[in-house]
Amino acid sequence: MNEDRLDFPATSRNRDALVDVLSGRLPKEGRLLEVASGSGQHVAWFATRWPGVTFVPSDPDPRHRASIAAWTDELPNVEAPIDLDVLRSPWAIDLVDFVFCANMIHISPFACTEALIANAATVLSPAGRLWLYGPFVQADVETAPSNLAFDASLRERNPAWGIRHLDEVTALSDQAGLTRTDVVAMPANNLFVAFERR
């Protein structure tokens, strides 16, 4: 096994559920930017299932980019990972059809969520889609005890972190010209949230 490959167990646990939810949404062709690709396991898994889609992984961490490259260097439909910090505007990438981001916004300051949505809107094609995956707090939906405990542990590690309220994220998308189209319950009390350009 390539020594640069990182192995994040959570990624292996949720990758099939993500393939299931994407299978009705991701067409056979297009260009997808993954923000905060981490180890690269997600993009490697997706690329083998959608060989006609071009995947652009990204991460600001050089160690992560090395891992992404190690996982994807033999996949012809995955571009070299790019150094993308959501807070740096504008993003150095051409238009894409899809932006996907998993498990980032709760382990970063809220300013990163704001920048993610605002910048994603600028790089999406006219019919583009933004997809977010992770835990959220929903109005009128009881938050699972495990998510409450997770939120407390995140805020103990960094007061700027924490599980975000879906209504706040949706309001940001509205400001950016995106409409929330779907909220799908996922395993382990996570959500898949879909937005499209208006």
N, C-alpha and C. Protein backbone atom coordinates (compact mmCIF):
# COMPACT_ATOMS: atom_id res chain seq x y z
N MET A 1 0.84 -1.19 0.00
CA MET A 1 0.00 0.00 0.00
C MET A 1 0.88 1.24 0.00
N ASN A 2 0.50 2.25 -0.77
CA ASN A 2 1.25 3.50 -0.84
C ASN A 2 1.29 4.15 0.53
N GLU A 3 2.49 4.49 1.00
CA GLU A 3 2.64 5.03 2.35
C GLU A 3 2.03 6.42 2.49
N ASP A 4 1.78 7.11 1.38
CA ASP A 4 1.15 8.43 1.45
C ASP A 4 -0.35 8.35 1.67
N ARG A 5 -0.94 7.18 1.47
CA ARG A 5 -2.38 7.05 1.62
C ARG A 5 -2.80 7.12 3.09
N LEU A 6 -3.66 8.07 3.39
CA LEU A 6 -4.31 8.12 4.70
C LEU A 6 -5.58 7.30 4.64
N ASP A 7 -5.95 6.73 5.76
CA ASP A 7 -7.15 5.90 5.82
C ASP A 7 -8.05 6.42 6.94
N PHE A 8 -9.15 7.07 6.55
CA PHE A 8 -10.10 7.61 7.52
C PHE A 8 -11.28 6.64 7.62
N PRO A 9 -11.43 5.95 8.74
CA PRO A 9 -12.49 4.93 8.86
C PRO A 9 -13.90 5.47 8.57
N ALA A 10 -14.19 6.70 8.98
CA ALA A 10 -15.53 7.25 8.75
C ALA A 10 -15.84 7.34 7.26
N THR A 11 -14.82 7.61 6.46
CA THR A 11 -15.02 7.71 5.01
C THR A 11 -15.42 6.36 4.44
N SER A 12 -14.79 5.32 4.89
CA SER A 12 -15.14 3.98 4.42
C SER A 12 -16.54 3.59 4.85
N ARG A 13 -16.96 4.07 6.02
CA ARG A 13 -18.29 3.71 6.53
C ARG A 13 -19.41 4.38 5.74
N ASN A 14 -19.19 5.63 5.29
CA ASN A 14 -20.31 6.34 4.67
C ASN A 14 -20.26 6.37 3.14
N ARG A 15 -19.22 5.83 2.53
CA ARG A 15 -19.06 5.99 1.09
C ARG A 15 -20.17 5.30 0.29
N ASP A 16 -20.63 4.14 0.74
CA ASP A 16 -21.68 3.45 -0.01
C ASP A 16 -23.02 4.17 0.10
N ALA A 17 -23.30 4.72 1.28
CA ALA A 17 -24.54 5.49 1.44
C ALA A 17 -24.51 6.73 0.57
N LEU A 18 -23.34 7.34 0.42
CA LEU A 18 -23.22 8.50 -0.45
C LEU A 18 -23.38 8.12 -1.92
N VAL A 19 -22.83 6.99 -2.31
CA VAL A 19 -23.02 6.51 -3.68
C VAL A 19 -24.51 6.31 -3.95
N ASP A 20 -25.22 5.75 -2.98
CA ASP A 20 -26.65 5.52 -3.16
C ASP A 20 -27.40 6.83 -3.38
N VAL A 21 -27.10 7.85 -2.59
CA VAL A 21 -27.83 9.11 -2.71
C VAL A 21 -27.41 9.88 -3.94
N LEU A 22 -26.16 9.72 -4.36
CA LEU A 22 -25.69 10.41 -5.57
C LEU A 22 -26.16 9.72 -6.84
N SER A 23 -26.49 8.43 -6.75
CA SER A 23 -26.81 7.67 -7.96
C SER A 23 -28.03 8.22 -8.69
N GLY A 24 -28.92 8.87 -7.98
CA GLY A 24 -30.07 9.46 -8.64
C GLY A 24 -29.88 10.92 -9.00
N ARG A 25 -28.69 11.45 -8.69
CA ARG A 25 -28.45 12.88 -8.89
C ARG A 25 -27.25 13.20 -9.77
N LEU A 26 -26.23 12.38 -9.72
CA LEU A 26 -25.02 12.63 -10.49
C LEU A 26 -25.14 11.91 -11.83
N PRO A 27 -25.16 12.66 -12.95
CA PRO A 27 -25.31 12.01 -14.26
C PRO A 27 -24.03 11.30 -14.67
N LYS A 28 -24.05 10.75 -15.88
CA LYS A 28 -22.90 9.98 -16.36
C LYS A 28 -21.74 10.88 -16.79
N GLU A 29 -22.01 12.17 -17.01
CA GLU A 29 -20.97 13.09 -17.44
C GLU A 29 -21.08 14.38 -16.64
N GLY A 30 -19.98 15.12 -16.61
CA GLY A 30 -19.95 16.39 -15.91
C GLY A 30 -18.62 16.58 -15.22
N ARG A 31 -18.50 17.68 -14.49
CA ARG A 31 -17.26 18.00 -13.77
C ARG A 31 -17.62 18.34 -12.34
N LEU A 32 -17.02 17.63 -11.40
CA LEU A 32 -17.35 17.78 -9.99
C LEU A 32 -16.13 18.20 -9.20
N LEU A 33 -16.27 19.28 -8.45
CA LEU A 33 -15.25 19.73 -7.51
C LEU A 33 -15.60 19.22 -6.13
N GLU A 34 -14.68 18.48 -5.53
CA GLU A 34 -14.85 18.09 -4.13
C GLU A 34 -14.03 19.03 -3.26
N VAL A 35 -14.69 19.72 -2.34
CA VAL A 35 -14.03 20.64 -1.42
C VAL A 35 -13.68 19.87 -0.14
N ALA A 36 -12.46 20.07 0.35
CA ALA A 36 -12.00 19.40 1.56
C ALA A 36 -12.03 17.88 1.38
N SER A 37 -11.28 17.40 0.40
CA SER A 37 -11.30 15.97 0.06
C SER A 37 -10.66 15.09 1.12
N GLY A 38 -9.89 15.67 2.03
CA GLY A 38 -9.31 14.87 3.11
C GLY A 38 -8.36 13.81 2.59
N SER A 39 -8.64 12.56 2.92
CA SER A 39 -7.74 11.47 2.54
C SER A 39 -7.77 11.18 1.04
N GLY A 40 -8.89 11.51 0.38
CA GLY A 40 -9.06 11.16 -1.03
C GLY A 40 -9.85 9.89 -1.25
N GLN A 41 -10.28 9.25 -0.18
CA GLN A 41 -11.00 7.99 -0.31
C GLN A 41 -12.37 8.16 -0.98
N HIS A 42 -13.07 9.25 -0.64
CA HIS A 42 -14.37 9.48 -1.27
C HIS A 42 -14.23 9.63 -2.77
N VAL A 43 -13.34 10.52 -3.20
CA VAL A 43 -13.25 10.80 -4.63
C VAL A 43 -12.77 9.57 -5.40
N ALA A 44 -11.90 8.79 -4.81
CA ALA A 44 -11.45 7.56 -5.46
C ALA A 44 -12.61 6.57 -5.63
N TRP A 45 -13.45 6.47 -4.61
CA TRP A 45 -14.59 5.56 -4.65
C TRP A 45 -15.60 6.02 -5.69
N PHE A 46 -15.88 7.34 -5.69
CA PHE A 46 -16.85 7.86 -6.64
C PHE A 46 -16.36 7.73 -8.08
N ALA A 47 -15.08 7.99 -8.29
CA ALA A 47 -14.55 8.02 -9.66
C ALA A 47 -14.65 6.67 -10.35
N THR A 48 -14.54 5.60 -9.61
CA THR A 48 -14.65 4.28 -10.21
C THR A 48 -16.09 3.95 -10.58
N ARG A 49 -17.04 4.64 -9.97
CA ARG A 49 -18.45 4.38 -10.23
C ARG A 49 -19.04 5.32 -11.28
N TRP A 50 -18.39 6.45 -11.51
CA TRP A 50 -18.82 7.39 -12.53
C TRP A 50 -17.62 7.70 -13.44
N PRO A 51 -17.23 6.76 -14.29
CA PRO A 51 -16.03 6.94 -15.11
C PRO A 51 -16.14 8.07 -16.12
N GLY A 52 -17.36 8.52 -16.44
CA GLY A 52 -17.52 9.61 -17.38
C GLY A 52 -17.51 10.98 -16.75
N VAL A 53 -17.50 11.03 -15.43
CA VAL A 53 -17.45 12.30 -14.70
C VAL A 53 -15.99 12.65 -14.40
N THR A 54 -15.63 13.91 -14.59
CA THR A 54 -14.29 14.37 -14.22
C THR A 54 -14.35 14.91 -12.80
N PHE A 55 -13.51 14.37 -11.94
CA PHE A 55 -13.49 14.77 -10.53
C PHE A 55 -12.27 15.65 -10.26
N VAL A 56 -12.51 16.73 -9.52
CA VAL A 56 -11.43 17.65 -9.13
C VAL A 56 -11.37 17.67 -7.61
N PRO A 57 -10.48 16.90 -7.00
CA PRO A 57 -10.35 16.93 -5.54
C PRO A 57 -9.57 18.16 -5.09
N SER A 58 -9.77 18.55 -3.85
CA SER A 58 -9.06 19.72 -3.33
C SER A 58 -8.88 19.60 -1.82
N ASP A 59 -7.85 20.24 -1.33
CA ASP A 59 -7.62 20.33 0.11
C ASP A 59 -6.49 21.32 0.36
N PRO A 60 -6.58 22.13 1.42
CA PRO A 60 -5.49 23.06 1.71
C PRO A 60 -4.29 22.42 2.40
N ASP A 61 -4.43 21.19 2.86
CA ASP A 61 -3.38 20.51 3.63
C ASP A 61 -2.49 19.70 2.68
N PRO A 62 -1.19 19.99 2.61
CA PRO A 62 -0.30 19.25 1.72
C PRO A 62 -0.28 17.74 1.98
N ARG A 63 -0.38 17.35 3.24
CA ARG A 63 -0.41 15.91 3.58
C ARG A 63 -1.65 15.26 2.98
N HIS A 64 -2.78 15.96 3.05
CA HIS A 64 -4.00 15.43 2.46
C HIS A 64 -3.89 15.34 0.95
N ARG A 65 -3.30 16.37 0.34
CA ARG A 65 -3.17 16.33 -1.13
C ARG A 65 -2.28 15.18 -1.57
N ALA A 66 -1.24 14.88 -0.80
CA ALA A 66 -0.39 13.73 -1.13
C ALA A 66 -1.19 12.43 -1.02
N SER A 67 -2.05 12.34 -0.01
CA SER A 67 -2.88 11.15 0.15
C SER A 67 -3.89 11.04 -0.99
N ILE A 68 -4.51 12.17 -1.36
CA ILE A 68 -5.47 12.16 -2.47
C ILE A 68 -4.79 11.64 -3.73
N ALA A 69 -3.61 12.16 -4.01
CA ALA A 69 -2.87 11.73 -5.20
C ALA A 69 -2.56 10.24 -5.14
N ALA A 70 -2.20 9.76 -3.96
CA ALA A 70 -1.87 8.34 -3.82
C ALA A 70 -3.09 7.44 -4.05
N TRP A 71 -4.27 7.92 -3.66
CA TRP A 71 -5.49 7.14 -3.86
C TRP A 71 -5.99 7.20 -5.30
N THR A 72 -5.65 8.27 -6.02
CA THR A 72 -6.30 8.51 -7.31
C THR A 72 -5.36 8.54 -8.51
N ASP A 73 -4.06 8.35 -8.30
CA ASP A 73 -3.11 8.57 -9.41
C ASP A 73 -3.31 7.63 -10.59
N GLU A 74 -4.02 6.52 -10.40
CA GLU A 74 -4.26 5.60 -11.51
C GLU A 74 -5.67 5.72 -12.08
N LEU A 75 -6.41 6.73 -11.62
CA LEU A 75 -7.78 6.92 -12.10
C LEU A 75 -7.78 8.04 -13.14
N PRO A 76 -8.09 7.72 -14.40
CA PRO A 76 -7.96 8.71 -15.47
C PRO A 76 -8.94 9.87 -15.40
N ASN A 77 -10.03 9.71 -14.66
CA ASN A 77 -11.04 10.77 -14.59
C ASN A 77 -10.93 11.62 -13.32
N VAL A 78 -9.78 11.53 -12.64
CA VAL A 78 -9.53 12.37 -11.46
C VAL A 78 -8.34 13.28 -11.75
N GLU A 79 -8.57 14.59 -11.67
CA GLU A 79 -7.50 15.55 -11.87
C GLU A 79 -6.60 15.61 -10.63
N ALA A 80 -5.41 16.16 -10.79
CA ALA A 80 -4.50 16.32 -9.66
C ALA A 80 -5.16 17.18 -8.59
N PRO A 81 -5.00 16.84 -7.32
CA PRO A 81 -5.64 17.63 -6.26
C PRO A 81 -5.12 19.07 -6.25
N ILE A 82 -6.04 20.00 -6.03
CA ILE A 82 -5.66 21.42 -6.00
C ILE A 82 -5.65 21.94 -4.58
N ASP A 83 -4.82 22.94 -4.37
CA ASP A 83 -4.72 23.62 -3.08
C ASP A 83 -5.84 24.66 -3.00
N LEU A 84 -6.93 24.30 -2.34
CA LEU A 84 -8.08 25.19 -2.26
C LEU A 84 -8.45 25.43 -0.81
N ASP A 85 -8.34 26.68 -0.39
CA ASP A 85 -8.78 27.13 0.92
C ASP A 85 -10.08 27.87 0.69
N VAL A 86 -11.17 27.43 1.31
CA VAL A 86 -12.48 28.04 1.03
C VAL A 86 -12.49 29.54 1.31
N LEU A 87 -11.63 30.00 2.21
CA LEU A 87 -11.63 31.41 2.59
C LEU A 87 -10.92 32.30 1.58
N ARG A 88 -10.15 31.70 0.66
CA ARG A 88 -9.44 32.49 -0.35
C ARG A 88 -10.32 32.69 -1.57
N SER A 89 -10.62 33.93 -1.86
CA SER A 89 -11.48 34.24 -3.01
C SER A 89 -10.70 35.06 -4.03
N PRO A 90 -10.96 34.85 -5.33
CA PRO A 90 -11.83 33.81 -5.87
C PRO A 90 -11.12 32.47 -5.90
N TRP A 91 -11.88 31.40 -6.00
CA TRP A 91 -11.29 30.09 -6.12
C TRP A 91 -10.63 29.95 -7.49
N ALA A 92 -9.46 29.34 -7.51
CA ALA A 92 -8.70 29.19 -8.75
C ALA A 92 -9.13 27.93 -9.48
N ILE A 93 -10.33 27.96 -10.03
CA ILE A 93 -10.85 26.81 -10.77
C ILE A 93 -11.87 27.30 -11.78
N ASP A 94 -11.92 26.63 -12.92
CA ASP A 94 -12.93 26.96 -13.93
C ASP A 94 -14.31 26.48 -13.46
N LEU A 95 -15.32 26.82 -14.25
CA LEU A 95 -16.68 26.40 -13.91
C LEU A 95 -16.79 24.88 -13.79
N VAL A 96 -17.59 24.46 -12.83
CA VAL A 96 -17.87 23.04 -12.62
C VAL A 96 -19.38 22.85 -12.57
N ASP A 97 -19.81 21.63 -12.77
CA ASP A 97 -21.24 21.32 -12.75
C ASP A 97 -21.74 20.99 -11.34
N PHE A 98 -20.83 20.52 -10.50
CA PHE A 98 -21.20 20.10 -9.16
C PHE A 98 -20.10 20.46 -8.18
N VAL A 99 -20.51 20.86 -6.97
CA VAL A 99 -19.58 21.03 -5.86
C VAL A 99 -20.08 20.13 -4.73
N PHE A 100 -19.18 19.29 -4.21
CA PHE A 100 -19.53 18.36 -3.14
C PHE A 100 -18.60 18.61 -1.96
N CYS A 101 -19.17 18.67 -0.77
CA CYS A 101 -18.36 18.88 0.44
C CYS A 101 -18.94 18.04 1.57
N ALA A 102 -18.12 17.16 2.11
CA ALA A 102 -18.56 16.27 3.19
C ALA A 102 -17.79 16.57 4.47
N ASN A 103 -18.54 16.67 5.55
CA ASN A 103 -17.95 16.70 6.89
C ASN A 103 -16.88 17.78 7.07
N MET A 104 -17.17 18.98 6.57
CA MET A 104 -16.23 20.09 6.77
C MET A 104 -16.80 21.19 7.65
N ILE A 105 -18.07 21.54 7.42
CA ILE A 105 -18.53 22.81 8.00
C ILE A 105 -18.65 22.75 9.53
N HIS A 106 -18.75 21.58 10.11
CA HIS A 106 -18.84 21.51 11.57
C HIS A 106 -17.47 21.48 12.24
N ILE A 107 -16.40 21.26 11.46
CA ILE A 107 -15.05 21.27 12.06
C ILE A 107 -14.24 22.44 11.50
N SER A 108 -14.92 23.55 11.33
CA SER A 108 -14.28 24.78 10.88
C SER A 108 -15.13 25.95 11.37
N PRO A 109 -14.56 27.15 11.46
CA PRO A 109 -15.35 28.31 11.87
C PRO A 109 -16.50 28.56 10.89
N PHE A 110 -17.54 29.24 11.36
CA PHE A 110 -18.70 29.50 10.52
C PHE A 110 -18.34 30.32 9.29
N ALA A 111 -17.28 31.11 9.39
CA ALA A 111 -16.82 31.88 8.22
C ALA A 111 -16.49 30.96 7.06
N CYS A 112 -16.05 29.74 7.34
CA CYS A 112 -15.75 28.78 6.27
C CYS A 112 -17.03 28.31 5.58
N THR A 113 -18.10 28.15 6.35
CA THR A 113 -19.38 27.80 5.74
C THR A 113 -19.86 28.93 4.84
N GLU A 114 -19.74 30.15 5.32
CA GLU A 114 -20.14 31.30 4.52
C GLU A 114 -19.35 31.37 3.23
N ALA A 115 -18.03 31.17 3.33
CA ALA A 115 -17.17 31.25 2.14
C ALA A 115 -17.41 30.09 1.20
N LEU A 116 -17.63 28.90 1.76
CA LEU A 116 -17.90 27.73 0.93
C LEU A 116 -19.10 27.98 0.02
N ILE A 117 -20.18 28.44 0.59
CA ILE A 117 -21.40 28.62 -0.20
C ILE A 117 -21.27 29.78 -1.18
N ALA A 118 -20.71 30.88 -0.73
CA ALA A 118 -20.56 32.04 -1.61
C ALA A 118 -19.64 31.73 -2.78
N ASN A 119 -18.52 31.07 -2.51
CA ASN A 119 -17.57 30.77 -3.59
C ASN A 119 -18.06 29.65 -4.48
N ALA A 120 -18.74 28.67 -3.90
CA ALA A 120 -19.30 27.59 -4.72
C ALA A 120 -20.26 28.17 -5.75
N ALA A 121 -21.04 29.14 -5.34
CA ALA A 121 -22.02 29.74 -6.26
C ALA A 121 -21.33 30.41 -7.44
N THR A 122 -20.11 30.88 -7.24
CA THR A 122 -19.41 31.59 -8.33
C THR A 122 -18.77 30.63 -9.33
N VAL A 123 -18.53 29.39 -8.93
CA VAL A 123 -17.87 28.44 -9.84
C VAL A 123 -18.83 27.43 -10.44
N LEU A 124 -20.09 27.47 -10.03
CA LEU A 124 -21.07 26.53 -10.56
C LEU A 124 -21.58 27.00 -11.91
N SER A 125 -21.74 26.06 -12.82
CA SER A 125 -22.33 26.34 -14.12
C SER A 125 -23.79 26.75 -13.94
N PRO A 126 -24.44 27.26 -14.98
CA PRO A 126 -25.82 27.74 -14.84
C PRO A 126 -26.80 26.72 -14.25
N ALA A 127 -26.60 25.46 -14.51
CA ALA A 127 -27.48 24.43 -13.96
C ALA A 127 -26.79 23.68 -12.82
N GLY A 128 -25.82 24.33 -12.18
CA GLY A 128 -24.97 23.65 -11.21
C GLY A 128 -25.68 23.28 -9.92
N ARG A 129 -25.07 22.32 -9.22
CA ARG A 129 -25.60 21.81 -7.95
C ARG A 129 -24.50 21.86 -6.88
N LEU A 130 -24.91 22.19 -5.66
CA LEU A 130 -24.04 22.11 -4.48
C LEU A 130 -24.62 21.05 -3.56
N TRP A 131 -23.76 20.12 -3.13
CA TRP A 131 -24.18 19.06 -2.24
C TRP A 131 -23.34 19.07 -0.97
N LEU A 132 -24.01 19.10 0.17
CA LEU A 132 -23.34 19.07 1.47
C LEU A 132 -23.75 17.80 2.21
N TYR A 133 -22.80 17.25 2.95
CA TYR A 133 -23.07 16.04 3.73
C TYR A 133 -22.47 16.21 5.11
N GLY A 134 -23.23 15.82 6.12
CA GLY A 134 -22.73 15.86 7.49
C GLY A 134 -23.88 16.04 8.46
N PRO A 135 -23.57 16.27 9.74
CA PRO A 135 -24.62 16.49 10.74
C PRO A 135 -25.13 17.93 10.69
N PHE A 136 -26.41 18.10 10.92
CA PHE A 136 -27.03 19.42 10.99
C PHE A 136 -28.05 19.44 12.12
N VAL A 137 -28.33 20.64 12.62
CA VAL A 137 -29.46 20.85 13.53
C VAL A 137 -30.62 21.34 12.67
N GLN A 138 -31.78 20.71 12.83
CA GLN A 138 -32.96 21.07 12.06
C GLN A 138 -34.05 21.63 12.97
N ALA A 139 -34.70 22.68 12.53
CA ALA A 139 -35.83 23.22 13.27
C ALA A 139 -36.95 22.19 13.31
N ASP A 140 -37.58 22.07 14.47
CA ASP A 140 -38.72 21.18 14.66
C ASP A 140 -38.37 19.70 14.50
N VAL A 141 -37.07 19.39 14.52
CA VAL A 141 -36.63 17.99 14.51
C VAL A 141 -35.70 17.80 15.70
N GLU A 142 -36.05 16.85 16.56
CA GLU A 142 -35.24 16.62 17.75
C GLU A 142 -33.84 16.16 17.36
N THR A 143 -32.84 16.84 17.90
CA THR A 143 -31.46 16.47 17.60
C THR A 143 -31.09 15.21 18.36
N ALA A 144 -30.49 14.27 17.67
CA ALA A 144 -30.12 13.00 18.28
C ALA A 144 -29.13 13.23 19.42
N PRO A 145 -29.27 12.49 20.51
CA PRO A 145 -28.32 12.64 21.62
C PRO A 145 -26.86 12.49 21.19
N SER A 146 -26.59 11.61 20.24
CA SER A 146 -25.21 11.44 19.79
C SER A 146 -24.70 12.70 19.10
N ASN A 147 -25.57 13.41 18.39
CA ASN A 147 -25.15 14.65 17.75
C ASN A 147 -24.98 15.77 18.76
N LEU A 148 -25.81 15.78 19.80
CA LEU A 148 -25.64 16.77 20.87
C LEU A 148 -24.29 16.58 21.55
N ALA A 149 -23.95 15.32 21.82
CA ALA A 149 -22.66 15.02 22.46
C ALA A 149 -21.51 15.38 21.53
N PHE A 150 -21.69 15.08 20.25
CA PHE A 150 -20.65 15.40 19.27
C PHE A 150 -20.45 16.91 19.18
N ASP A 151 -21.55 17.65 19.16
CA ASP A 151 -21.47 19.11 19.10
C ASP A 151 -20.73 19.66 20.32
N ALA A 152 -21.03 19.13 21.49
CA ALA A 152 -20.36 19.59 22.71
C ALA A 152 -18.87 19.30 22.66
N SER A 153 -18.51 18.14 22.14
CA SER A 153 -17.09 17.79 22.06
C SER A 153 -16.36 18.67 21.05
N LEU A 154 -17.04 19.00 19.95
CA LEU A 154 -16.43 19.89 18.96
C LEU A 154 -16.16 21.26 19.56
N ARG A 155 -17.15 21.81 20.26
CA ARG A 155 -17.01 23.16 20.82
C ARG A 155 -16.00 23.19 21.96
N GLU A 156 -15.81 22.05 22.61
CA GLU A 156 -14.78 21.96 23.65
C GLU A 156 -13.39 22.01 23.02
N ARG A 157 -13.25 21.38 21.86
CA ARG A 157 -11.97 21.40 21.14
C ARG A 157 -11.69 22.77 20.54
N ASN A 158 -12.74 23.40 20.02
CA ASN A 158 -12.59 24.73 19.41
C ASN A 158 -13.95 25.43 19.46
N PRO A 159 -14.07 26.51 20.22
CA PRO A 159 -15.37 27.18 20.36
C PRO A 159 -15.97 27.66 19.04
N ALA A 160 -15.15 27.80 18.00
CA ALA A 160 -15.66 28.26 16.70
C ALA A 160 -16.25 27.11 15.88
N TRP A 161 -16.07 25.87 16.33
CA TRP A 161 -16.61 24.71 15.63
C TRP A 161 -18.01 24.41 16.14
N GLY A 162 -18.68 23.46 15.52
CA GLY A 162 -19.98 23.01 15.99
C GLY A 162 -20.91 22.65 14.85
N ILE A 163 -21.90 21.83 15.16
CA ILE A 163 -22.88 21.42 14.16
C ILE A 163 -23.73 22.63 13.79
N ARG A 164 -23.87 22.88 12.50
CA ARG A 164 -24.56 24.07 12.02
C ARG A 164 -26.06 23.84 11.89
N HIS A 165 -26.79 24.94 12.02
CA HIS A 165 -28.24 24.90 11.84
C HIS A 165 -28.56 24.93 10.35
N LEU A 166 -29.37 24.00 9.92
CA LEU A 166 -29.70 23.91 8.51
C LEU A 166 -30.36 25.19 8.00
N ASP A 167 -31.18 25.81 8.81
CA ASP A 167 -31.84 27.05 8.39
C ASP A 167 -30.82 28.15 8.11
N GLU A 168 -29.76 28.22 8.92
CA GLU A 168 -28.72 29.23 8.69
C GLU A 168 -27.97 28.95 7.39
N VAL A 169 -27.68 27.70 7.14
CA VAL A 169 -26.98 27.32 5.91
C VAL A 169 -27.88 27.60 4.70
N THR A 170 -29.15 27.32 4.83
CA THR A 170 -30.09 27.58 3.75
C THR A 170 -30.19 29.07 3.47
N ALA A 171 -30.19 29.89 4.52
CA ALA A 171 -30.24 31.35 4.33
C ALA A 171 -29.02 31.84 3.56
N LEU A 172 -27.86 31.26 3.86
CA LEU A 172 -26.65 31.63 3.11
C LEU A 172 -26.79 31.25 1.65
N SER A 173 -27.37 30.09 1.39
CA SER A 173 -27.53 29.67 0.00
C SER A 173 -28.48 30.60 -0.74
N ASP A 174 -29.53 31.04 -0.07
CA ASP A 174 -30.46 31.99 -0.69
C ASP A 174 -29.75 33.27 -1.10
N GLN A 175 -28.89 33.77 -0.20
CA GLN A 175 -28.14 34.98 -0.48
C GLN A 175 -27.20 34.80 -1.67
N ALA A 176 -26.72 33.58 -1.86
CA ALA A 176 -25.76 33.30 -2.94
C ALA A 176 -26.44 32.94 -4.26
N GLY A 177 -27.78 32.93 -4.28
CA GLY A 177 -28.49 32.60 -5.51
C GLY A 177 -28.71 31.12 -5.71
N LEU A 178 -28.68 30.36 -4.61
CA LEU A 178 -28.92 28.92 -4.68
C LEU A 178 -30.20 28.58 -3.93
N THR A 179 -30.91 27.59 -4.40
CA THR A 179 -32.15 27.14 -3.78
C THR A 179 -31.98 25.74 -3.21
N ARG A 180 -32.37 25.56 -1.97
CA ARG A 180 -32.32 24.20 -1.41
C ARG A 180 -33.42 23.36 -2.03
N THR A 181 -33.05 22.21 -2.55
CA THR A 181 -34.01 21.37 -3.26
C THR A 181 -34.30 20.06 -2.56
N ASP A 182 -33.43 19.63 -1.67
CA ASP A 182 -33.60 18.30 -1.10
C ASP A 182 -32.84 18.18 0.21
N VAL A 183 -33.42 17.45 1.15
CA VAL A 183 -32.76 17.08 2.40
C VAL A 183 -33.02 15.60 2.61
N VAL A 184 -31.95 14.82 2.62
CA VAL A 184 -32.09 13.36 2.71
C VAL A 184 -31.46 12.88 4.02
N ALA A 185 -32.22 12.15 4.81
CA ALA A 185 -31.68 11.56 6.04
C ALA A 185 -30.71 10.44 5.67
N MET A 186 -29.56 10.46 6.32
CA MET A 186 -28.50 9.50 6.04
C MET A 186 -28.16 8.72 7.32
N PRO A 187 -27.41 7.64 7.19
CA PRO A 187 -27.03 6.89 8.39
C PRO A 187 -26.24 7.74 9.39
N ALA A 188 -26.26 7.31 10.64
CA ALA A 188 -25.50 7.94 11.72
C ALA A 188 -25.92 9.39 11.95
N ASN A 189 -27.22 9.69 11.73
CA ASN A 189 -27.78 11.01 12.00
C ASN A 189 -27.13 12.13 11.18
N ASN A 190 -26.74 11.80 9.97
CA ASN A 190 -26.23 12.80 9.04
C ASN A 190 -27.32 13.14 8.02
N LEU A 191 -27.07 14.23 7.28
CA LEU A 191 -27.98 14.64 6.22
C LEU A 191 -27.19 14.86 4.93
N PHE A 192 -27.85 14.63 3.82
CA PHE A 192 -27.37 15.04 2.50
C PHE A 192 -28.29 16.18 2.08
N VAL A 193 -27.69 17.34 1.83
CA VAL A 193 -28.48 18.54 1.52
C VAL A 193 -28.08 19.03 0.13
N ALA A 194 -29.08 19.21 -0.73
CA ALA A 194 -28.84 19.58 -2.12
C ALA A 194 -29.35 20.99 -2.39
N PHE A 195 -28.55 21.75 -3.14
CA PHE A 195 -28.91 23.10 -3.57
C PHE A 195 -28.68 23.18 -5.08
N GLU A 196 -29.43 24.04 -5.74
CA GLU A 196 -29.20 24.27 -7.17
C GLU A 196 -29.21 25.76 -7.47
N ARG A 197 -28.52 26.13 -8.52
CA ARG A 197 -28.49 27.53 -8.93
C ARG A 197 -29.85 27.94 -9.46
N ARG A 198 -30.29 29.13 -9.03
CA ARG A 198 -31.57 29.66 -9.51
C ARG A 198 -31.41 30.25 -10.90
